[in-house]
C-alpha atoms as a PDB file:
ATOM      1  CA  MET A   1     -60.408 -19.339  -1.565  1.00  0.00           C
ATOM      2  CA  SER A   2     -61.114 -22.502  -3.520  1.00  0.00           C
ATOM      3  CA  LEU A   3     -64.680 -22.729  -4.779  1.00  0.00           C
ATOM      4  CA  PRO A   4     -66.565 -25.939  -5.444  1.00  0.00           C
ATOM      5  CA  GLN A   5     -66.908 -26.474  -9.183  1.00  0.00           C
ATOM      6  CA  ILE A   6     -70.701 -26.391  -8.879  1.00  0.00           C
ATOM      7  CA  LEU A   7     -72.854 -24.355  -6.472  1.00  0.00           C
ATOM      8  CA  TYR A   8     -76.490 -25.181  -5.856  1.00  0.00           C
ATOM      9  CA  LYS A   9     -79.765 -23.329  -5.335  1.00  0.00           C
ATOM     10  CA  PHE A  10     -82.812 -25.110  -3.928  1.00  0.00           C
ATOM     11  CA  ARG A  11     -86.166 -24.019  -5.385  1.00  0.00           C
ATOM     12  CA  HIS A  12     -89.836 -25.114  -5.239  1.00  0.00           C
ATOM     13  CA  PHE A  13     -92.978 -24.738  -7.314  1.00  0.00           C
ATOM     14  CA  ASP A  14     -95.104 -22.941  -4.709  1.00  0.00           C
ATOM     15  CA  ASP A  15     -93.447 -19.654  -5.666  1.00  0.00           C
ATOM     16  CA  ALA A  16     -93.727 -18.604  -9.297  1.00  0.00           C
ATOM     17  CA  ASN A  17     -90.531 -16.545  -8.907  1.00  0.00           C
ATOM     18  CA  HIS A  18     -88.610 -19.763  -8.155  1.00  0.00           C
ATOM     19  CA  VAL A  19     -89.699 -21.320 -11.408  1.00  0.00           C
ATOM     20  CA  ARG A  20     -88.436 -18.221 -13.290  1.00  0.00           C
ATOM     21  CA  MET A  21     -84.951 -19.503 -12.590  1.00  0.00           C
ATOM     22  CA  LEU A  22     -85.735 -22.069 -15.284  1.00  0.00           C
ATOM     23  CA  THR A  23     -88.253 -20.278 -17.508  1.00  0.00           C
ATOM     24  CA  HIS A  24     -86.311 -17.000 -17.631  1.00  0.00           C
ATOM     25  CA  ARG A  25     -82.881 -18.258 -16.519  1.00  0.00           C
ATOM     26  CA  GLU A  26     -82.504 -15.538 -13.927  1.00  0.00           C
ATOM     27  CA  ILE A  27     -81.248 -15.220 -10.374  1.00  0.00           C
ATOM     28  CA  PHE A  28     -82.468 -12.841  -7.690  1.00  0.00           C
ATOM     29  CA  PHE A  29     -80.407 -10.860  -5.140  1.00  0.00           C
ATOM     30  CA  PRO A  30     -82.564 -10.227  -2.066  1.00  0.00           C
ATOM     31  CA  SER A  31     -81.580  -7.812   0.629  1.00  0.00           C
ATOM     32  CA  PRO A  32     -80.394  -9.591   3.810  1.00  0.00           C
ATOM     33  CA  ILE A  33     -83.318  -8.002   5.693  1.00  0.00           C
ATOM     34  CA  LYS A  34     -85.502 -10.626   3.944  1.00  0.00           C
ATOM     35  CA  PHE A  35     -83.550 -13.599   5.250  1.00  0.00           C
ATOM     36  CA  ASN A  36     -85.197 -16.108   7.553  1.00  0.00           C
ATOM     37  CA  ASP A  37     -82.426 -15.903  10.202  1.00  0.00           C
ATOM     38  CA  PRO A  38     -82.941 -12.803  12.394  1.00  0.00           C
ATOM     39  CA  PHE A  39     -79.204 -12.823  13.244  1.00  0.00           C
ATOM     40  CA  ASP A  40     -78.087 -12.810   9.594  1.00  0.00           C
ATOM     41  CA  ALA A  41     -76.236  -9.597   8.699  1.00  0.00           C
ATOM     42  CA  ALA A  42     -77.616  -8.085  11.935  1.00  0.00           C
ATOM     43  CA  ILE A  43     -74.663  -8.466  14.294  1.00  0.00           C
ATOM     44  CA  PRO A  44     -74.189  -5.139  16.048  1.00  0.00           C
ATOM     45  CA  VAL A  45     -71.057  -3.006  15.697  1.00  0.00           C
ATOM     46  CA  ARG A  46     -69.507  -2.357  19.107  1.00  0.00           C
ATOM     47  CA  TYR A  47     -68.558   1.297  19.206  1.00  0.00           C
ATOM     48  CA  GLU A  48     -67.773   0.975  22.936  1.00  0.00           C
ATOM     49  CA  ASP A  49     -64.722  -1.118  22.119  1.00  0.00           C
ATOM     50  CA  GLY A  50     -61.294  -0.033  20.921  1.00  0.00           C
ATOM     51  CA  THR A  51     -58.117   1.518  22.337  1.00  0.00           C
ATOM     52  CA  PRO A  52     -57.577   5.332  22.169  1.00  0.00           C
ATOM     53  CA  GLU A  53     -55.119   4.915  19.297  1.00  0.00           C
ATOM     54  CA  GLN A  54     -57.537   2.731  17.339  1.00  0.00           C
ATOM     55  CA  ILE A  55     -60.442   5.116  17.878  1.00  0.00           C
ATOM     56  CA  ILE A  56     -58.466   8.233  16.805  1.00  0.00           C
ATOM     57  CA  GLN A  57     -57.295   6.424  13.679  1.00  0.00           C
ATOM     58  CA  TRP A  58     -60.870   5.376  12.925  1.00  0.00           C
ATOM     59  CA  PHE A  59     -62.094   8.958  13.331  1.00  0.00           C
ATOM     60  CA  ASP A  60     -59.307  10.100  11.007  1.00  0.00           C
ATOM     61  CA  ASN A  61     -60.450   7.604   8.359  1.00  0.00           C
ATOM     62  CA  TYR A  62     -64.082   8.577   8.943  1.00  0.00           C
ATOM     63  CA  LEU A  63     -63.335  12.286   8.430  1.00  0.00           C
ATOM     64  CA  ALA A  64     -61.408  11.554   5.272  1.00  0.00           C
ATOM     65  CA  GLU A  65     -64.626  10.042   3.900  1.00  0.00           C
ATOM     66  CA  VAL A  66     -67.184  12.542   5.107  1.00  0.00           C
ATOM     67  CA  GLU A  67     -65.029  15.733   5.011  1.00  0.00           C
ATOM     68  CA  PRO A  68     -62.573  15.137   2.139  1.00  0.00           C
ATOM     69  CA  ALA A  69     -61.662  18.834   1.984  1.00  0.00           C
ATOM     70  CA  LEU A  70     -59.879  18.637   5.328  1.00  0.00           C
ATOM     71  CA  ARG A  71     -56.077  18.538   5.084  1.00  0.00           C
ATOM     72  CA  PRO A  72     -54.376  15.670   6.979  1.00  0.00           C
ATOM     73  CA  PRO A  73     -53.022  17.831   9.859  1.00  0.00           C
ATOM     74  CA  GLU A  74     -56.474  19.416  10.361  1.00  0.00           C
ATOM     75  CA  ARG A  75     -58.121  16.057  10.060  1.00  0.00           C
ATOM     76  CA  ILE A  76     -55.995  14.316  12.732  1.00  0.00           C
ATOM     77  CA  LYS A  77     -56.445  17.309  15.033  1.00  0.00           C
ATOM     78  CA  LYS A  78     -60.223  17.058  14.656  1.00  0.00           C
ATOM     79  CA  ALA A  79     -60.044  13.272  15.123  1.00  0.00           C
ATOM     80  CA  ARG A  80     -58.222  13.725  18.435  1.00  0.00           C
ATOM     81  CA  GLN A  81     -60.795  16.311  19.535  1.00  0.00           C
ATOM     82  CA  MET A  82     -63.627  13.949  18.648  1.00  0.00           C
ATOM     83  CA  PHE A  83     -62.016  11.278  20.808  1.00  0.00           C
ATOM     84  CA  LYS A  84     -61.474  13.768  23.618  1.00  0.00           C
ATOM     85  CA  ASN A  85     -65.154  14.747  23.424  1.00  0.00           C
ATOM     86  CA  ALA A  86     -66.040  10.994  23.535  1.00  0.00           C
ATOM     87  CA  ILE A  87     -68.081  11.272  20.361  1.00  0.00           C
ATOM     88  CA  HIS A  88     -67.881   7.491  19.987  1.00  0.00           C
ATOM     89  CA  ARG A  89     -69.768   7.129  23.279  1.00  0.00           C
ATOM     90  CA  ASN A  90     -72.407   9.698  22.422  1.00  0.00           C
ATOM     91  CA  HIS A  91     -75.713   7.907  22.113  1.00  0.00           C
ATOM     92  CA  ASN A  92     -77.017  10.041  19.231  1.00  0.00           C
ATOM     93  CA  TRP A  93     -73.794   9.666  17.238  1.00  0.00           C
ATOM     94  CA  VAL A  94     -73.739   5.891  17.810  1.00  0.00           C
ATOM     95  CA  GLN A  95     -77.347   5.555  16.723  1.00  0.00           C
ATOM     96  CA  LEU A  96     -76.785   7.725  13.642  1.00  0.00           C
ATOM     97  CA  THR A  97     -73.706   5.696  12.656  1.00  0.00           C
ATOM     98  CA  ARG A  98     -75.522   2.386  13.204  1.00  0.00           C
ATOM     99  CA  THR A  99     -78.388   3.681  11.100  1.00  0.00           C
ATOM    100  CA  ARG A 100     -75.942   4.529   8.272  1.00  0.00           C
ATOM    101  CA  VAL A 101     -74.382   1.082   8.516  1.00  0.00           C
ATOM    102  CA  ARG A 102     -77.753  -0.617   8.539  1.00  0.00           C
ATOM    103  CA  ALA A 103     -78.889   1.390   5.539  1.00  0.00           C
ATOM    104  CA  LEU A 104     -75.764   0.209   3.683  1.00  0.00           C
ATOM    105  CA  VAL A 105     -76.391  -3.399   4.727  1.00  0.00           C
ATOM    106  CA  GLU A 106     -79.931  -3.232   3.304  1.00  0.00           C
ATOM    107  CA  THR A 107     -78.613  -2.201  -0.136  1.00  0.00           C
ATOM    108  CA  ILE A 108     -76.381  -5.289  -0.496  1.00  0.00           C
ATOM    109  CA  GLY A 109     -77.786  -7.977  -2.779  1.00  0.00           C
ATOM    110  CA  ILE A 110     -76.998 -11.550  -1.771  1.00  0.00           C
ATOM    111  CA  PHE A 111     -77.505 -14.648  -3.933  1.00  0.00           C
ATOM    112  CA  SER A 112     -77.165 -17.602  -1.587  1.00  0.00           C
ATOM    113  CA  THR A 113     -75.997 -20.996  -2.825  1.00  0.00           C
ATOM    114  CA  SER A 114     -74.899 -24.280  -1.272  1.00  0.00           C
ATOM    115  CA  ALA A 115     -72.112 -26.763  -1.874  1.00  0.00           C
ATOM    116  CA  ALA A 116     -74.367 -29.556  -0.536  1.00  0.00           C
ATOM    117  CA  ASN A 117     -76.955 -30.704  -3.026  1.00  0.00           C
ATOM    118  CA  GLU A 118     -77.275 -34.029  -1.240  1.00  0.00           C
ATOM    119  CA  ASN A 119     -78.224 -32.650   2.182  1.00  0.00           C
ATOM    120  CA  ILE A 120     -81.698 -33.775   3.192  1.00  0.00           C
ATOM    121  CA  LEU A 121     -82.237 -30.742   5.465  1.00  0.00           C
ATOM    122  CA  ASN A 122     -81.604 -28.376   2.554  1.00  0.00           C
ATOM    123  CA  TRP A 123     -84.092 -30.267   0.463  1.00  0.00           C
ATOM    124  CA  SER A 124     -86.636 -30.221   3.312  1.00  0.00           C
ATOM    125  CA  HIS A 125     -86.265 -26.535   4.174  1.00  0.00           C
ATOM    126  CA  TYR A 126     -85.745 -24.924   0.800  1.00  0.00           C
ATOM    127  CA  SER A 127     -87.375 -27.274  -1.655  1.00  0.00           C
ATOM    128  CA  ALA A 128     -90.822 -27.788  -0.128  1.00  0.00           C
ATOM    129  CA  GLY A 129     -90.100 -31.100   1.490  1.00  0.00           C
ATOM    130  CA  HIS A 130     -88.217 -32.579  -1.493  1.00  0.00           C
ATOM    131  CA  LYS A 131     -91.055 -31.667  -3.866  1.00  0.00           C
ATOM    132  CA  GLY A 132     -89.054 -29.007  -5.707  1.00  0.00           C
ATOM    133  CA  PHE A 133     -85.797 -28.888  -7.586  1.00  0.00           C
ATOM    134  CA  CYS A 134     -82.146 -27.921  -7.172  1.00  0.00           C
ATOM    135  CA  VAL A 135     -80.256 -25.898  -9.770  1.00  0.00           C
ATOM    136  CA  GLY A 136     -76.507 -26.372 -10.116  1.00  0.00           C
ATOM    137  CA  PHE A 137     -74.456 -23.425 -11.405  1.00  0.00           C
ATOM    138  CA  TYR A 138     -70.875 -23.510 -12.628  1.00  0.00           C
ATOM    139  CA  SER A 139     -69.020 -21.435 -10.050  1.00  0.00           C
ATOM    140  CA  GLN A 140     -66.657 -20.088 -12.740  1.00  0.00           C
ATOM    141  CA  GLN A 141     -69.635 -18.540 -14.479  1.00  0.00           C
ATOM    142  CA  LEU A 142     -70.679 -16.892 -11.212  1.00  0.00           C
ATOM    143  CA  LEU A 143     -67.150 -15.594 -10.800  1.00  0.00           C
ATOM    144  CA  ASN A 144     -67.345 -14.121 -14.261  1.00  0.00           C
ATOM    145  CA  ILE A 145     -70.436 -12.188 -13.087  1.00  0.00           C
ATOM    146  CA  CYS A 146     -68.419 -10.808 -10.183  1.00  0.00           C
ATOM    147  CA  THR A 147     -65.679  -9.687 -12.530  1.00  0.00           C
ATOM    148  CA  PHE A 148     -68.156  -7.970 -14.792  1.00  0.00           C
ATOM    149  CA  PHE A 149     -69.810  -5.999 -12.027  1.00  0.00           C
ATOM    150  CA  THR A 150     -66.557  -5.106 -10.310  1.00  0.00           C
ATOM    151  CA  PHE A 151     -64.670  -3.855 -13.334  1.00  0.00           C
ATOM    152  CA  ASN A 152     -67.380  -2.868 -15.871  1.00  0.00           C
ATOM    153  CA  GLN A 153     -69.894  -1.294 -13.500  1.00  0.00           C
ATOM    154  CA  GLN A 154     -67.611  -0.361 -10.555  1.00  0.00           C
ATOM    155  CA  ARG A 155     -69.925  -2.273  -8.260  1.00  0.00           C
ATOM    156  CA  PRO A 156     -67.872  -4.641  -6.089  1.00  0.00           C
ATOM    157  CA  ALA A 157     -69.048  -8.229  -6.273  1.00  0.00           C
ATOM    158  CA  SER A 158     -67.564 -11.434  -4.854  1.00  0.00           C
ATOM    159  CA  ILE A 159     -68.324 -15.039  -3.926  1.00  0.00           C
ATOM    160  CA  CYS A 160     -67.483 -15.976  -0.364  1.00  0.00           C
ATOM    161  CA  GLY A 161     -68.061 -19.005   1.850  1.00  0.00           C
ATOM    162  CA  VAL A 162     -70.032 -18.525   5.062  1.00  0.00           C
ATOM    163  CA  ASN A 163     -68.310 -19.107   8.393  1.00  0.00           C
ATOM    164  CA  TYR A 164     -70.225 -21.037  11.050  1.00  0.00           C
ATOM    165  CA  SER A 165     -69.321 -20.034  14.594  1.00  0.00           C
ATOM    166  CA  PRO A 166     -70.276 -21.396  18.019  1.00  0.00           C
ATOM    167  CA  ASP A 167     -69.572 -17.927  19.419  1.00  0.00           C
ATOM    168  CA  TYR A 168     -71.398 -14.650  18.762  1.00  0.00           C
ATOM    169  CA  PRO A 169     -68.988 -12.331  16.916  1.00  0.00           C
ATOM    170  CA  ARG A 170     -67.944  -9.077  18.492  1.00  0.00           C
ATOM    171  CA  ILE A 171     -67.397  -6.441  15.835  1.00  0.00           C
ATOM    172  CA  ASN A 172     -64.908  -3.818  16.971  1.00  0.00           C
ATOM    173  CA  PRO A 173     -64.914  -1.300  14.109  1.00  0.00           C
ATOM    174  CA  PHE A 174     -61.843   0.460  15.476  1.00  0.00           C
ATOM    175  CA  ALA A 175     -59.607  -2.650  15.331  1.00  0.00           C
ATOM    176  CA  MET A 176     -60.966  -4.500  12.273  1.00  0.00           C
ATOM    177  CA  SER A 177     -60.319  -3.875   8.606  1.00  0.00           C
ATOM    178  CA  ASN A 178     -63.273  -3.196   6.367  1.00  0.00           C
ATOM    179  CA  ARG A 179     -62.908  -6.704   4.921  1.00  0.00           C
ATOM    180  CA  ASP A 180     -62.867  -8.353   8.381  1.00  0.00           C
ATOM    181  CA  ARG A 181     -65.839  -6.261   9.471  1.00  0.00           C
ATOM    182  CA  LEU A 182     -67.832  -7.232   6.370  1.00  0.00           C
ATOM    183  CA  ASN A 183     -66.895 -10.891   6.813  1.00  0.00           C
ATOM    184  CA  ALA A 184     -68.229 -10.768  10.379  1.00  0.00           C
ATOM    185  CA  GLN A 185     -71.350  -8.893   9.309  1.00  0.00           C
ATOM    186  CA  PHE A 186     -72.312 -10.820   6.162  1.00  0.00           C
ATOM    187  CA  LEU A 187     -70.484 -14.148   6.319  1.00  0.00           C
ATOM    188  CA  THR A 188     -70.878 -15.341   9.901  1.00  0.00           C
ATOM    189  CA  LYS A 189     -73.770 -17.495  11.029  1.00  0.00           C
ATOM    190  CA  ALA A 190     -74.494 -19.720  14.006  1.00  0.00           C
ATOM    191  CA  LYS A 191     -73.076 -23.234  13.811  1.00  0.00           C
ATOM    192  CA  ASP A 192     -76.665 -24.526  13.713  1.00  0.00           C
ATOM    193  CA  TRP A 193     -76.642 -23.660   9.968  1.00  0.00           C
ATOM    194  CA  ILE A 194     -73.454 -25.573   9.139  1.00  0.00           C
ATOM    195  CA  HIS A 195     -75.348 -28.219   7.163  1.00  0.00           C
ATOM    196  CA  GLU A 196     -76.051 -25.565   4.486  1.00  0.00           C
ATOM    197  CA  LYS A 197     -72.419 -25.242   3.392  1.00  0.00           C
ATOM    198  CA  GLU A 198     -73.363 -21.839   2.058  1.00  0.00           C
ATOM    199  CA  TYR A 199     -71.566 -19.655  -0.457  1.00  0.00           C
ATOM    200  CA  ARG A 200     -72.781 -16.150  -1.146  1.00  0.00           C
ATOM    201  CA  LEU A 201     -72.548 -13.978  -4.209  1.00  0.00           C
ATOM    202  CA  LEU A 202     -72.538 -10.440  -2.747  1.00  0.00           C
ATOM    203  CA  LEU A 203     -73.330  -7.496  -4.985  1.00  0.00           C
ATOM    204  CA  ALA A 204     -72.884  -3.891  -3.880  1.00  0.00           C
ATOM    205  CA  ALA A 205     -76.063  -1.824  -4.354  1.00  0.00           C
ATOM    206  CA  GLY A 206     -77.664  -4.988  -5.708  1.00  0.00           C
ATOM    207  CA  ALA A 207     -80.592  -5.508  -3.321  1.00  0.00           C
ATOM    208  CA  ASN A 208     -83.676  -6.879  -5.105  1.00  0.00           C
ATOM    209  CA  GLU A 209     -81.869  -6.998  -8.442  1.00  0.00           C
ATOM    210  CA  VAL A 210     -82.702  -9.656 -11.040  1.00  0.00           C
ATOM    211  CA  LEU A 211     -79.918 -10.932 -13.265  1.00  0.00           C
ATOM    212  CA  PRO A 212     -80.490 -13.037 -16.412  1.00  0.00           C
ATOM    213  CA  LEU A 213     -77.951 -15.783 -17.037  1.00  0.00           C
ATOM    214  CA  ASP A 214     -76.730 -17.570 -20.138  1.00  0.00           C
ATOM    215  CA  GLU A 215     -77.696 -21.226 -20.549  1.00  0.00           C
ATOM    216  CA  SER A 216     -74.036 -22.173 -20.203  1.00  0.00           C
ATOM    217  CA  SER A 217     -74.132 -21.093 -16.553  1.00  0.00           C
ATOM    218  CA  PHE A 218     -76.353 -24.065 -15.646  1.00  0.00           C
ATOM    219  CA  ALA A 219     -74.600 -27.343 -14.842  1.00  0.00           C
ATOM    220  CA  SER A 220     -77.500 -29.477 -13.629  1.00  0.00           C
ATOM    221  CA  ILE A 221     -81.099 -29.621 -12.538  1.00  0.00           C
ATOM    222  CA  THR A 222     -81.975 -32.150  -9.851  1.00  0.00           C
ATOM    223  CA  LEU A 223     -85.599 -33.089  -9.111  1.00  0.00           C
ATOM    224  CA  GLY A 224     -86.671 -33.765  -5.532  1.00  0.00           C
ATOM    225  CA  CYS A 225     -87.457 -37.321  -4.517  1.00  0.00           C
ATOM    226  CA  SER A 226     -91.086 -36.342  -3.795  1.00  0.00           C
ATOM    227  CA  ILE A 227     -91.696 -34.243  -6.907  1.00  0.00           C
ATOM    228  CA  ASP A 228     -95.043 -34.900  -8.607  1.00  0.00           C
ATOM    229  CA  GLN A 229     -95.273 -35.992 -12.211  1.00  0.00           C
ATOM    230  CA  GLU A 230     -96.848 -32.716 -13.383  1.00  0.00           C
ATOM    231  CA  HIS A 231     -93.930 -30.657 -12.130  1.00  0.00           C
ATOM    232  CA  LYS A 232     -91.401 -33.176 -13.467  1.00  0.00           C
ATOM    233  CA  ASN A 233     -93.008 -32.857 -16.880  1.00  0.00           C
ATOM    234  CA  LEU A 234     -92.921 -29.063 -16.588  1.00  0.00           C
ATOM    235  CA  VAL A 235     -89.154 -29.059 -15.936  1.00  0.00           C
ATOM    236  CA  VAL A 236     -88.522 -31.389 -18.897  1.00  0.00           C
ATOM    237  CA  ASP A 237     -90.658 -29.235 -21.171  1.00  0.00           C
ATOM    238  CA  ILE A 238     -88.762 -26.102 -20.147  1.00  0.00           C
ATOM    239  CA  LEU A 239     -85.325 -27.674 -20.596  1.00  0.00           C
ATOM    240  CA  ASN A 240     -86.287 -28.984 -24.023  1.00  0.00           C
ATOM    241  CA  THR A 241     -86.517 -25.341 -25.170  1.00  0.00           C
ATOM    242  CA  TRP A 242     -82.885 -24.723 -24.234  1.00  0.00           C
ATOM    243  CA  LYS A 243     -80.072 -25.000 -26.767  1.00  0.00           C
ATOM    244  CA  ILE A 244     -77.425 -25.856 -24.143  1.00  0.00           C
ATOM    245  CA  LYS A 245     -78.981 -28.592 -22.025  1.00  0.00           C
ATOM    246  CA  PRO A 246     -77.843 -29.175 -18.431  1.00  0.00           C
ATOM    247  CA  ILE A 247     -77.712 -32.574 -16.839  1.00  0.00           C
ATOM    248  CA  LEU A 248     -81.092 -33.614 -15.450  1.00  0.00           C
ATOM    249  CA  LEU A 249     -81.124 -35.803 -12.363  1.00  0.00           C
ATOM    250  CA  GLN A 250     -83.767 -37.485 -10.275  1.00  0.00           C
ATOM    251  CA  SER A 251     -83.120 -37.846  -6.557  1.00  0.00           C
ATOM    252  CA  HIS A 252     -84.173 -41.032  -4.732  1.00  0.00           C
ATOM    253  CA  ARG A 253     -84.269 -42.063  -1.092  1.00  0.00           C
ATOM    254  CA  ASP A 254     -81.708 -44.731  -0.177  1.00  0.00           C
ATOM    255  CA  ASP A 255     -83.246 -47.897   1.190  1.00  0.00           C
ATOM    256  CA  ASP A 256     -80.739 -48.485   3.988  1.00  0.00           C
ATOM    257  CA  ALA A 257     -79.447 -45.011   4.973  1.00  0.00           C
ATOM    258  CA  PHE A 258     -80.583 -41.480   5.706  1.00  0.00           C
ATOM    259  CA  SER A 259     -79.280 -40.254   2.386  1.00  0.00           C
ATOM    260  CA  LEU A 260     -80.167 -39.578  -1.219  1.00  0.00           C
ATOM    261  CA  HIS A 261     -78.778 -40.822  -4.514  1.00  0.00           C
ATOM    262  CA  PHE A 262     -79.211 -39.326  -7.981  1.00  0.00           C
ATOM    263  CA  GLU A 263     -79.959 -40.942 -11.284  1.00  0.00           C
ATOM    264  CA  PRO A 264     -79.701 -39.227 -14.715  1.00  0.00           C
ATOM    265  CA  ILE A 265     -82.840 -38.614 -16.758  1.00  0.00           C
ATOM    266  CA  SER A 266     -82.708 -38.661 -20.541  1.00  0.00           C
ATOM    267  CA  TYR A 267     -84.765 -35.933 -22.181  1.00  0.00           C
END
């Protein structure tokens, strides 16, 4: 997957934690249960789907995880018995499994970014009606974070683009790979959100984690077209304390189109 060179995060001054992205140079990984879209990361897994062969193989993989002491011949025998007993259609088992999956989902930390810093809806929704600011991050620096967590802390991390679908996904756990299932669960949203052009940094066991960044991770800071002078001065004062200074831009409404343009600010 080819990433945009810069990924953006819209912030506003009504939330002190948003300003910490500048004052403390940190990013926050909320759990998806805090997202404003009730469908986000909440697409149900369909345990009623799957062919007999797929279901038996899934039970075999499941037993390898939860009962690692079982030898392969014993495991496949037990998997076939579980299928024969229709465990996958047992209400209690389905609910227990869905609870386990949901608990796992809630532990994932997701830092959401956008490839579209010029989109007026993004500014309106996430930057307090264009009164806030937009932080641009070098995507390579974010990739370096993923590498660090994956190989140094054995906590898988990745950056992935969100898929926008007109159709509601059907997650068949018996036929889908773990990667495909996670893509459907964490990276599929309704096409209504397509204007966001979202990219997500996913961090295993990273829910509610705060991560400080180096100044070199910041490519630009863009001020909303309706920002007040006090907040503009605040941003300039903060950036003047940095040794590595990002580009500072002021957004303006175009006079003859529903669009924005950006002009550099010297500071």
